[in-house]
């Protein structure tokens, strides 16, 4: 029983680390990308439509990577394979 509680505690810590670092990484990535977009738009305004489309595509990919991490964290939260191995 005590080992199961230890696995649950470490799983909760791992979930917090996965979601927290993923959110920080996505925020930093989108912030850097947005600043570079504004810098390049100020240098060459005629390229804004092309750059804007690529910027939104990359923003979606960065968010998708974060949401995959959230999905993995939720898998560990609700269907923890480590606990299933202990009980089985």
N, C-alpha and C. Protein backbone atom coordinates (compact mmCIF):
# COMPACT_ATOMS: atom_id res chain seq x y z
N UNK A 1 0.83 -1.19 0.00
CA UNK A 1 0.00 0.00 0.00
C UNK A 1 0.87 1.25 0.00
N UNK A 2 1.94 1.23 0.78
CA UNK A 2 2.81 2.40 0.86
C UNK A 2 3.53 2.65 -0.46
N UNK A 3 3.92 1.60 -1.16
CA UNK A 3 4.60 1.74 -2.44
C UNK A 3 3.66 2.34 -3.49
N UNK A 4 2.38 1.99 -3.43
CA UNK A 4 1.39 2.56 -4.36
C UNK A 4 1.26 4.06 -4.13
N UNK A 5 1.25 4.49 -2.89
CA UNK A 5 1.17 5.92 -2.59
C UNK A 5 2.41 6.66 -3.07
N UNK A 6 3.55 6.02 -2.97
CA UNK A 6 4.80 6.61 -3.45
C UNK A 6 4.78 6.78 -4.97
N UNK A 7 4.26 5.77 -5.67
CA UNK A 7 4.15 5.87 -7.13
C UNK A 7 3.19 6.98 -7.51
N UNK A 8 2.08 7.11 -6.79
CA UNK A 8 1.12 8.18 -7.08
C UNK A 8 1.73 9.56 -6.81
N UNK A 9 2.51 9.68 -5.76
CA UNK A 9 3.14 10.96 -5.44
C UNK A 9 4.15 11.36 -6.51
N UNK A 10 4.99 10.41 -6.92
CA UNK A 10 5.97 10.71 -7.96
C UNK A 10 5.30 10.98 -9.30
N UNK A 11 4.19 10.31 -9.55
CA UNK A 11 3.44 10.58 -10.78
C UNK A 11 2.88 11.99 -10.77
N UNK A 12 2.36 12.44 -9.63
CA UNK A 12 1.84 13.80 -9.54
C UNK A 12 2.95 14.83 -9.75
N UNK A 13 4.12 14.58 -9.19
CA UNK A 13 5.25 15.49 -9.41
C UNK A 13 5.66 15.50 -10.88
N UNK A 14 5.69 14.33 -11.49
CA UNK A 14 6.04 14.24 -12.91
C UNK A 14 5.04 14.97 -13.79
N UNK A 15 3.77 14.86 -13.47
CA UNK A 15 2.73 15.56 -14.24
C UNK A 15 2.93 17.06 -14.13
N UNK A 16 3.21 17.54 -12.95
CA UNK A 16 3.45 18.98 -12.77
C UNK A 16 4.65 19.46 -13.56
N UNK A 17 5.70 18.66 -13.57
CA UNK A 17 6.91 19.03 -14.32
C UNK A 17 6.64 19.01 -15.82
N UNK A 18 5.93 18.00 -16.31
CA UNK A 18 5.63 17.91 -17.75
C UNK A 18 4.82 19.11 -18.20
N UNK A 19 3.74 19.41 -17.48
CA UNK A 19 2.86 20.51 -17.89
C UNK A 19 3.56 21.86 -17.69
N UNK A 20 4.25 22.02 -16.57
CA UNK A 20 4.91 23.30 -16.29
C UNK A 20 6.01 23.63 -17.28
N UNK A 21 6.91 22.69 -17.52
CA UNK A 21 7.99 22.95 -18.46
C UNK A 21 7.48 23.07 -19.89
N UNK A 22 6.44 22.31 -20.22
CA UNK A 22 5.84 22.45 -21.55
C UNK A 22 5.24 23.82 -21.76
N UNK A 23 4.55 24.33 -20.74
CA UNK A 23 3.95 25.67 -20.86
C UNK A 23 5.02 26.74 -20.95
N UNK A 24 6.06 26.61 -20.16
CA UNK A 24 7.15 27.60 -20.21
C UNK A 24 7.84 27.56 -21.58
N UNK A 25 8.11 26.36 -22.08
CA UNK A 25 8.75 26.23 -23.39
C UNK A 25 7.90 26.79 -24.51
N UNK A 26 6.60 26.51 -24.48
CA UNK A 26 5.71 27.02 -25.52
C UNK A 26 5.62 28.54 -25.45
N UNK A 27 5.54 29.09 -24.26
CA UNK A 27 5.45 30.54 -24.11
C UNK A 27 6.72 31.23 -24.60
N UNK A 28 7.86 30.68 -24.24
CA UNK A 28 9.13 31.27 -24.70
C UNK A 28 9.26 31.14 -26.21
N UNK A 29 8.90 29.98 -26.75
CA UNK A 29 9.00 29.78 -28.19
C UNK A 29 8.11 30.71 -28.98
N UNK A 30 6.88 30.88 -28.56
CA UNK A 30 5.95 31.77 -29.26
C UNK A 30 6.38 33.22 -29.07
N UNK A 31 6.92 33.56 -27.92
CA UNK A 31 7.40 34.92 -27.69
C UNK A 31 8.58 35.27 -28.59
N UNK A 32 9.54 34.37 -28.71
CA UNK A 32 10.69 34.61 -29.58
C UNK A 32 10.24 34.67 -31.04
N UNK A 33 9.35 33.76 -31.42
CA UNK A 33 8.87 33.74 -32.80
C UNK A 33 8.13 35.04 -33.13
N UNK A 34 7.29 35.52 -32.21
CA UNK A 34 6.56 36.76 -32.44
C UNK A 34 7.48 37.96 -32.55
N UNK A 35 8.52 38.00 -31.73
CA UNK A 35 9.45 39.13 -31.80
C UNK A 35 10.23 39.11 -33.11
N UNK A 36 10.62 37.92 -33.56
CA UNK A 36 11.34 37.82 -34.84
C UNK A 36 10.42 38.16 -36.01
N UNK A 37 9.14 37.82 -35.89
CA UNK A 37 8.20 38.18 -36.94
C UNK A 37 8.06 39.70 -37.04
N UNK A 38 7.90 40.35 -35.89
CA UNK A 38 7.77 41.82 -35.91
C UNK A 38 9.04 42.49 -36.43
N UNK A 39 10.18 41.93 -36.06
CA UNK A 39 11.45 42.48 -36.54
C UNK A 39 11.58 42.33 -38.06
N UNK A 40 11.24 41.17 -38.57
CA UNK A 40 11.34 40.95 -40.02
C UNK A 40 10.27 41.74 -40.77
N UNK A 41 9.10 41.92 -40.19
CA UNK A 41 8.04 42.72 -40.82
C UNK A 41 8.44 44.19 -40.89
N UNK A 42 9.18 44.66 -39.89
CA UNK A 42 9.63 46.05 -39.92
C UNK A 42 10.73 46.25 -40.96
N UNK A 43 11.54 45.22 -41.18
CA UNK A 43 12.63 45.33 -42.16
C UNK A 43 12.11 45.23 -43.59
N UNK A 44 11.18 44.30 -43.84
CA UNK A 44 10.66 44.09 -45.20
C UNK A 44 9.14 43.97 -45.14
N UNK A 45 8.43 45.07 -45.17
CA UNK A 45 6.97 45.05 -45.04
C UNK A 45 6.26 44.32 -46.18
N UNK A 46 6.90 44.20 -47.33
CA UNK A 46 6.26 43.52 -48.45
C UNK A 46 6.16 42.01 -48.25
N UNK A 47 6.89 41.46 -47.32
CA UNK A 47 6.85 40.02 -47.05
C UNK A 47 5.90 39.65 -45.91
N UNK A 48 5.16 40.60 -45.37
CA UNK A 48 4.30 40.35 -44.21
C UNK A 48 3.27 39.24 -44.46
N UNK A 49 2.56 39.21 -45.60
CA UNK A 49 1.56 38.13 -45.77
C UNK A 49 2.18 36.73 -45.75
N UNK A 50 3.32 36.55 -46.40
CA UNK A 50 3.97 35.24 -46.39
C UNK A 50 4.48 34.89 -44.99
N UNK A 51 5.12 35.86 -44.34
CA UNK A 51 5.66 35.61 -43.00
C UNK A 51 4.56 35.35 -41.98
N UNK A 52 3.42 36.03 -42.15
CA UNK A 52 2.33 35.86 -41.21
C UNK A 52 1.75 34.45 -41.28
N UNK A 53 1.59 33.93 -42.48
CA UNK A 53 1.09 32.56 -42.62
C UNK A 53 2.02 31.55 -42.00
N UNK A 54 3.32 31.73 -42.22
CA UNK A 54 4.30 30.81 -41.63
C UNK A 54 4.36 30.94 -40.12
N UNK A 55 4.19 32.17 -39.63
CA UNK A 55 4.21 32.37 -38.18
C UNK A 55 3.04 31.64 -37.52
N UNK A 56 1.84 31.74 -38.11
CA UNK A 56 0.69 31.06 -37.52
C UNK A 56 0.83 29.55 -37.61
N UNK A 57 1.43 29.06 -38.68
CA UNK A 57 1.67 27.62 -38.79
C UNK A 57 2.61 27.15 -37.68
N UNK A 58 3.69 27.88 -37.47
CA UNK A 58 4.62 27.50 -36.41
C UNK A 58 4.01 27.65 -35.02
N UNK A 59 3.17 28.65 -34.84
CA UNK A 59 2.50 28.81 -33.53
C UNK A 59 1.60 27.60 -33.26
N UNK A 60 0.92 27.12 -34.28
CA UNK A 60 0.10 25.93 -34.12
C UNK A 60 0.93 24.70 -33.80
N UNK A 61 2.09 24.57 -34.44
CA UNK A 61 2.95 23.41 -34.16
C UNK A 61 3.54 23.47 -32.75
N UNK A 62 3.89 24.67 -32.31
CA UNK A 62 4.41 24.81 -30.94
C UNK A 62 3.32 24.45 -29.93
N UNK A 63 2.11 24.94 -30.16
CA UNK A 63 1.01 24.61 -29.25
C UNK A 63 0.67 23.12 -29.32
N UNK A 64 0.79 22.53 -30.50
CA UNK A 64 0.50 21.10 -30.62
C UNK A 64 1.48 20.28 -29.81
N UNK A 65 2.75 20.67 -29.83
CA UNK A 65 3.74 19.94 -29.04
C UNK A 65 3.43 20.05 -27.55
N UNK A 66 3.00 21.22 -27.10
CA UNK A 66 2.62 21.39 -25.70
C UNK A 66 1.40 20.54 -25.35
N UNK A 67 0.41 20.52 -26.24
CA UNK A 67 -0.81 19.76 -25.96
C UNK A 67 -0.55 18.25 -25.98
N UNK A 68 0.41 17.79 -26.77
CA UNK A 68 0.80 16.38 -26.71
C UNK A 68 1.37 16.06 -25.34
N UNK A 69 2.19 16.96 -24.81
CA UNK A 69 2.71 16.77 -23.45
C UNK A 69 1.61 16.75 -22.42
N UNK A 70 0.61 17.61 -22.57
CA UNK A 70 -0.53 17.61 -21.65
C UNK A 70 -1.29 16.29 -21.77
N UNK A 71 -1.44 15.79 -22.98
CA UNK A 71 -2.13 14.51 -23.18
C UNK A 71 -1.39 13.35 -22.50
N UNK A 72 -0.08 13.35 -22.61
CA UNK A 72 0.72 12.31 -21.94
C UNK A 72 0.58 12.45 -20.42
N UNK A 73 0.58 13.68 -19.93
CA UNK A 73 0.42 13.90 -18.49
C UNK A 73 -0.94 13.42 -18.02
N UNK A 74 -1.98 13.67 -18.81
CA UNK A 74 -3.32 13.22 -18.42
C UNK A 74 -3.43 11.70 -18.48
N UNK A 75 -2.70 11.07 -19.40
CA UNK A 75 -2.69 9.61 -19.42
C UNK A 75 -2.12 9.07 -18.11
N UNK A 76 -1.03 9.67 -17.65
CA UNK A 76 -0.45 9.23 -16.38
C UNK A 76 -1.36 9.56 -15.21
N UNK A 77 -2.14 10.62 -15.32
CA UNK A 77 -3.02 11.00 -14.22
C UNK A 77 -4.21 10.06 -14.09
N UNK A 78 -4.81 9.67 -15.22
CA UNK A 78 -6.06 8.93 -15.16
C UNK A 78 -5.94 7.44 -15.50
N UNK A 79 -4.93 7.06 -16.24
CA UNK A 79 -4.75 5.65 -16.59
C UNK A 79 -3.27 5.31 -16.43
N UNK A 80 -2.80 5.41 -15.23
CA UNK A 80 -1.38 5.25 -14.95
C UNK A 80 -0.94 3.81 -15.21
N UNK A 81 -0.07 3.59 -16.19
CA UNK A 81 0.38 2.22 -16.46
C UNK A 81 1.27 1.67 -15.35
N UNK A 82 1.88 2.53 -14.56
CA UNK A 82 2.72 2.06 -13.46
C UNK A 82 1.87 1.43 -12.37
N UNK A 83 0.72 2.05 -12.08
CA UNK A 83 -0.17 1.48 -11.07
C UNK A 83 -0.82 0.19 -11.58
N UNK A 84 -1.10 0.14 -12.87
CA UNK A 84 -1.69 -1.08 -13.45
C UNK A 84 -0.69 -2.24 -13.33
N UNK A 85 0.59 -1.96 -13.50
CA UNK A 85 1.59 -3.01 -13.37
C UNK A 85 1.73 -3.49 -11.93
N UNK A 86 1.53 -2.58 -10.98
CA UNK A 86 1.60 -2.96 -9.58
C UNK A 86 0.43 -3.85 -9.15
N UNK A 87 -0.76 -3.53 -9.67
CA UNK A 87 -1.96 -4.25 -9.27
C UNK A 87 -2.09 -5.58 -10.00
N UNK A 88 -1.48 -5.68 -11.19
CA UNK A 88 -1.67 -6.87 -12.01
C UNK A 88 -0.73 -7.95 -11.77
